[in-house]
Amino acid sequence: MAVTGGCMCGAIRYRAEGEPVHNALCHCTDCRRAAGAPIVGWALFPVAAVEITGTPVTYNSSGDVERQFCGTCGTGLFFRSASVFPGQVDIQTGTFDDPDALAPGACIQTADAPAWLATMAELPTFPRYPGV
């Protein structure tokens, strides 16, 4: 199996081969702030299985944690940490070309999740903007 994806402007592209070590939706405060989103999807692959074209910008968010993003359009892409995930790279699943390529297998860091997430399934849904 292979997944492909990249940033919004196309300056950075990637291809990841094989099955991910994990595929989870993260609720931690750091991920939410870095992405500006209430939940961030991640799929973890061995570094050797990921080919990246373009040069992401690296932000050291804490300790040896590196968050990488496109310096042109700002799309968050990768998470690397030698102490947390040695020899591996976490890829933001929201950047996959095919959003259905990998279904999440878990929700993690739920202790940090906003309380309103527990009632999210009760919200009305609209296929496009309501009233448009």
C-alpha atoms as a PDB file:
ATOM      1  CA  MET A   1       0.000   0.000   0.000  1.00  0.00           C
ATOM      2  CA  ALA A   2       1.116   3.563  -0.670  1.00  0.00           C
ATOM      3  CA  VAL A   3      -0.319   6.926   0.304  1.00  0.00           C
ATOM      4  CA  THR A   4       0.522  10.193  -1.383  1.00  0.00           C
ATOM      5  CA  GLY A   5      -0.161  13.744  -0.398  1.00  0.00           C
ATOM      6  CA  GLY A   6       1.233  17.189   0.092  1.00  0.00           C
ATOM      7  CA  CYS A   7       0.637  20.762   1.056  1.00  0.00           C
ATOM      8  CA  MET A   8      -2.074  23.056  -0.276  1.00  0.00           C
ATOM      9  CA  CYS A   9       0.165  24.901  -2.757  1.00  0.00           C
ATOM     10  CA  GLY A  10       1.978  21.787  -4.018  1.00  0.00           C
ATOM     11  CA  ALA A  11       5.486  22.908  -3.024  1.00  0.00           C
ATOM     12  CA  ILE A  12       5.892  19.817  -0.829  1.00  0.00           C
ATOM     13  CA  ARG A  13       4.781  16.322  -1.842  1.00  0.00           C
ATOM     14  CA  TYR A  14       5.299  12.940  -0.228  1.00  0.00           C
ATOM     15  CA  ARG A  15       4.768   9.236  -0.778  1.00  0.00           C
ATOM     16  CA  ALA A  16       4.636   6.721   2.081  1.00  0.00           C
ATOM     17  CA  GLU A  17       4.930   2.992   1.356  1.00  0.00           C
ATOM     18  CA  GLY A  18       3.533   0.150   3.441  1.00  0.00           C
ATOM     19  CA  GLU A  19       1.218   0.030   6.405  1.00  0.00           C
ATOM     20  CA  PRO A  20       1.482   2.736   9.067  1.00  0.00           C
ATOM     21  CA  VAL A  21       2.608   1.806  12.559  1.00  0.00           C
ATOM     22  CA  HIS A  22      -0.455   3.667  13.826  1.00  0.00           C
ATOM     23  CA  ASN A  23      -3.169   5.926  12.461  1.00  0.00           C
ATOM     24  CA  ALA A  24      -4.843   8.043  15.110  1.00  0.00           C
ATOM     25  CA  LEU A  25      -6.775  11.227  15.768  1.00  0.00           C
ATOM     26  CA  CYS A  26      -4.906  13.357  18.294  1.00  0.00           C
ATOM     27  CA  HIS A  27      -6.651  15.689  20.716  1.00  0.00           C
ATOM     28  CA  CYS A  28      -3.589  17.090  22.520  1.00  0.00           C
ATOM     29  CA  THR A  29      -3.225  20.807  23.104  1.00  0.00           C
ATOM     30  CA  ASP A  30       0.033  21.042  21.125  1.00  0.00           C
ATOM     31  CA  CYS A  31      -1.467  19.413  18.007  1.00  0.00           C
ATOM     32  CA  ARG A  32      -4.625  21.517  18.232  1.00  0.00           C
ATOM     33  CA  ARG A  33      -2.627  24.740  18.507  1.00  0.00           C
ATOM     34  CA  ALA A  34      -0.138  23.810  15.789  1.00  0.00           C
ATOM     35  CA  ALA A  35      -2.925  22.916  13.350  1.00  0.00           C
ATOM     36  CA  GLY A  36      -5.554  25.419  14.449  1.00  0.00           C
ATOM     37  CA  ALA A  37      -8.021  22.519  14.518  1.00  0.00           C
ATOM     38  CA  PRO A  38      -9.873  20.603  17.248  1.00  0.00           C
ATOM     39  CA  ILE A  39      -8.485  17.219  16.121  1.00  0.00           C
ATOM     40  CA  VAL A  40      -5.422  16.266  14.064  1.00  0.00           C
ATOM     41  CA  GLY A  41      -5.066  12.966  12.202  1.00  0.00           C
ATOM     42  CA  TRP A  42      -1.650  11.286  12.145  1.00  0.00           C
ATOM     43  CA  ALA A  43      -0.261   8.184  10.413  1.00  0.00           C
ATOM     44  CA  LEU A  44       3.167   6.985  11.573  1.00  0.00           C
ATOM     45  CA  PHE A  45       5.601   5.474   9.057  1.00  0.00           C
ATOM     46  CA  PRO A  46       9.260   4.423   9.189  1.00  0.00           C
ATOM     47  CA  VAL A  47      11.442   7.237   7.820  1.00  0.00           C
ATOM     48  CA  ALA A  48      12.819   4.870   5.159  1.00  0.00           C
ATOM     49  CA  ALA A  49       9.270   4.324   3.824  1.00  0.00           C
ATOM     50  CA  VAL A  50       8.617   8.038   3.204  1.00  0.00           C
ATOM     51  CA  GLU A  51       9.880  10.006   0.222  1.00  0.00           C
ATOM     52  CA  ILE A  52       9.506  13.799   0.435  1.00  0.00           C
ATOM     53  CA  THR A  53       9.969  16.273  -2.412  1.00  0.00           C
ATOM     54  CA  GLY A  54      10.366  19.919  -1.506  1.00  0.00           C
ATOM     55  CA  THR A  55      11.800  21.285   1.724  1.00  0.00           C
ATOM     56  CA  PRO A  56       9.518  21.705   4.702  1.00  0.00           C
ATOM     57  CA  VAL A  57      10.210  24.313   7.362  1.00  0.00           C
ATOM     58  CA  THR A  58      10.974  22.846  10.786  1.00  0.00           C
ATOM     59  CA  TYR A  59       9.687  24.282  14.062  1.00  0.00           C
ATOM     60  CA  ASN A  60      11.068  22.845  17.303  1.00  0.00           C
ATOM     61  CA  SER A  61       7.962  22.904  19.487  1.00  0.00           C
ATOM     62  CA  SER A  62       9.465  21.261  22.601  1.00  0.00           C
ATOM     63  CA  GLY A  63      12.486  19.133  23.470  1.00  0.00           C
ATOM     64  CA  ASP A  64      13.376  17.117  20.387  1.00  0.00           C
ATOM     65  CA  VAL A  65       9.910  17.493  18.838  1.00  0.00           C
ATOM     66  CA  GLU A  66      10.004  18.898  15.317  1.00  0.00           C
ATOM     67  CA  ARG A  67       6.830  19.928  13.526  1.00  0.00           C
ATOM     68  CA  GLN A  68       7.304  20.445   9.802  1.00  0.00           C
ATOM     69  CA  PHE A  69       5.151  22.522   7.485  1.00  0.00           C
ATOM     70  CA  CYS A  70       5.190  24.236   4.112  1.00  0.00           C
ATOM     71  CA  GLY A  71       6.900  27.612   4.343  1.00  0.00           C
ATOM     72  CA  THR A  72       4.829  28.937   1.439  1.00  0.00           C
ATOM     73  CA  CYS A  73       1.228  27.988   2.284  1.00  0.00           C
ATOM     74  CA  GLY A  74       1.620  26.972   5.951  1.00  0.00           C
ATOM     75  CA  THR A  75       0.158  23.469   5.669  1.00  0.00           C
ATOM     76  CA  GLY A  76       1.219  21.275   8.602  1.00  0.00           C
ATOM     77  CA  LEU A  77       2.729  18.011   7.341  1.00  0.00           C
ATOM     78  CA  PHE A  78       5.113  16.058   9.578  1.00  0.00           C
ATOM     79  CA  PHE A  79       5.988  15.353  13.221  1.00  0.00           C
ATOM     80  CA  ARG A  80       9.378  13.948  14.160  1.00  0.00           C
ATOM     81  CA  SER A  81      10.854  13.103  17.546  1.00  0.00           C
ATOM     82  CA  ALA A  82      13.832  10.832  18.216  1.00  0.00           C
ATOM     83  CA  SER A  83      12.623  10.208  21.776  1.00  0.00           C
ATOM     84  CA  VAL A  84       8.918   9.655  21.014  1.00  0.00           C
ATOM     85  CA  PHE A  85       9.081   7.967  17.580  1.00  0.00           C
ATOM     86  CA  PRO A  86      12.716   7.061  16.806  1.00  0.00           C
ATOM     87  CA  GLY A  87      13.328   6.393  13.111  1.00  0.00           C
ATOM     88  CA  GLN A  88       9.751   7.284  12.218  1.00  0.00           C
ATOM     89  CA  VAL A  89       7.769  10.222  10.862  1.00  0.00           C
ATOM     90  CA  ASP A  90       4.141  11.050  11.625  1.00  0.00           C
ATOM     91  CA  ILE A  91       2.235  12.432   8.629  1.00  0.00           C
ATOM     92  CA  GLN A  92      -0.882  14.573   8.996  1.00  0.00           C
ATOM     93  CA  THR A  93      -3.634  12.513   7.365  1.00  0.00           C
ATOM     94  CA  GLY A  94      -5.570  15.629   6.381  1.00  0.00           C
ATOM     95  CA  THR A  95      -2.898  16.134   3.708  1.00  0.00           C
ATOM     96  CA  PHE A  96      -3.486  12.774   1.976  1.00  0.00           C
ATOM     97  CA  ASP A  97      -4.551  13.000  -1.680  1.00  0.00           C
ATOM     98  CA  ASP A  98      -7.222  10.390  -0.904  1.00  0.00           C
ATOM     99  CA  PRO A  99      -8.955  11.266   2.378  1.00  0.00           C
ATOM    100  CA  ASP A 100     -10.304   7.703   2.555  1.00  0.00           C
ATOM    101  CA  ALA A 101      -6.878   6.059   2.133  1.00  0.00           C
ATOM    102  CA  LEU A 102      -6.595   5.179   5.834  1.00  0.00           C
ATOM    103  CA  ALA A 103      -9.393   5.214   8.384  1.00  0.00           C
ATOM    104  CA  PRO A 104      -8.235   6.222  11.875  1.00  0.00           C
ATOM    105  CA  GLY A 105      -7.673   3.353  14.261  1.00  0.00           C
ATOM    106  CA  ALA A 106      -7.805   5.247  17.559  1.00  0.00           C
ATOM    107  CA  CYS A 107      -8.333   8.545  19.333  1.00  0.00           C
ATOM    108  CA  ILE A 108      -5.346   9.587  21.454  1.00  0.00           C
ATOM    109  CA  GLN A 109      -4.568  12.233  24.070  1.00  0.00           C
ATOM    110  CA  THR A 110      -8.293  12.461  24.818  1.00  0.00           C
ATOM    111  CA  ALA A 111      -7.560  13.904  28.270  1.00  0.00           C
ATOM    112  CA  ASP A 112      -6.857  17.191  26.435  1.00  0.00           C
ATOM    113  CA  ALA A 113      -9.971  17.077  24.219  1.00  0.00           C
ATOM    114  CA  PRO A 114     -12.507  19.906  24.491  1.00  0.00           C
ATOM    115  CA  ALA A 115     -15.573  18.741  26.436  1.00  0.00           C
ATOM    116  CA  TRP A 116     -17.910  19.608  23.541  1.00  0.00           C
ATOM    117  CA  LEU A 117     -16.416  16.803  21.417  1.00  0.00           C
ATOM    118  CA  ALA A 118     -18.531  14.349  23.415  1.00  0.00           C
ATOM    119  CA  THR A 119     -21.664  15.820  21.801  1.00  0.00           C
ATOM    120  CA  MET A 120     -20.302  16.430  18.298  1.00  0.00           C
ATOM    121  CA  ALA A 121     -22.374  13.613  16.770  1.00  0.00           C
ATOM    122  CA  GLU A 122     -25.510  15.467  17.896  1.00  0.00           C
ATOM    123  CA  LEU A 123     -24.762  18.558  15.802  1.00  0.00           C
ATOM    124  CA  PRO A 124     -26.778  19.158  12.622  1.00  0.00           C
ATOM    125  CA  THR A 125     -24.872  18.335   9.442  1.00  0.00           C
ATOM    126  CA  PHE A 126     -24.991  19.937   6.000  1.00  0.00           C
ATOM    127  CA  PRO A 127     -23.427  18.620   2.761  1.00  0.00           C
ATOM    128  CA  ARG A 128     -22.288  22.184   1.964  1.00  0.00           C
ATOM    129  CA  TYR A 129     -22.651  25.578   3.646  1.00  0.00           C
ATOM    130  CA  PRO A 130     -26.156  25.865   5.129  1.00  0.00           C
ATOM    131  CA  GLY A 131     -28.498  28.136   3.200  1.00  0.00           C
ATOM    132  CA  VAL A 132     -26.282  28.303   0.115  1.00  0.00           C
END
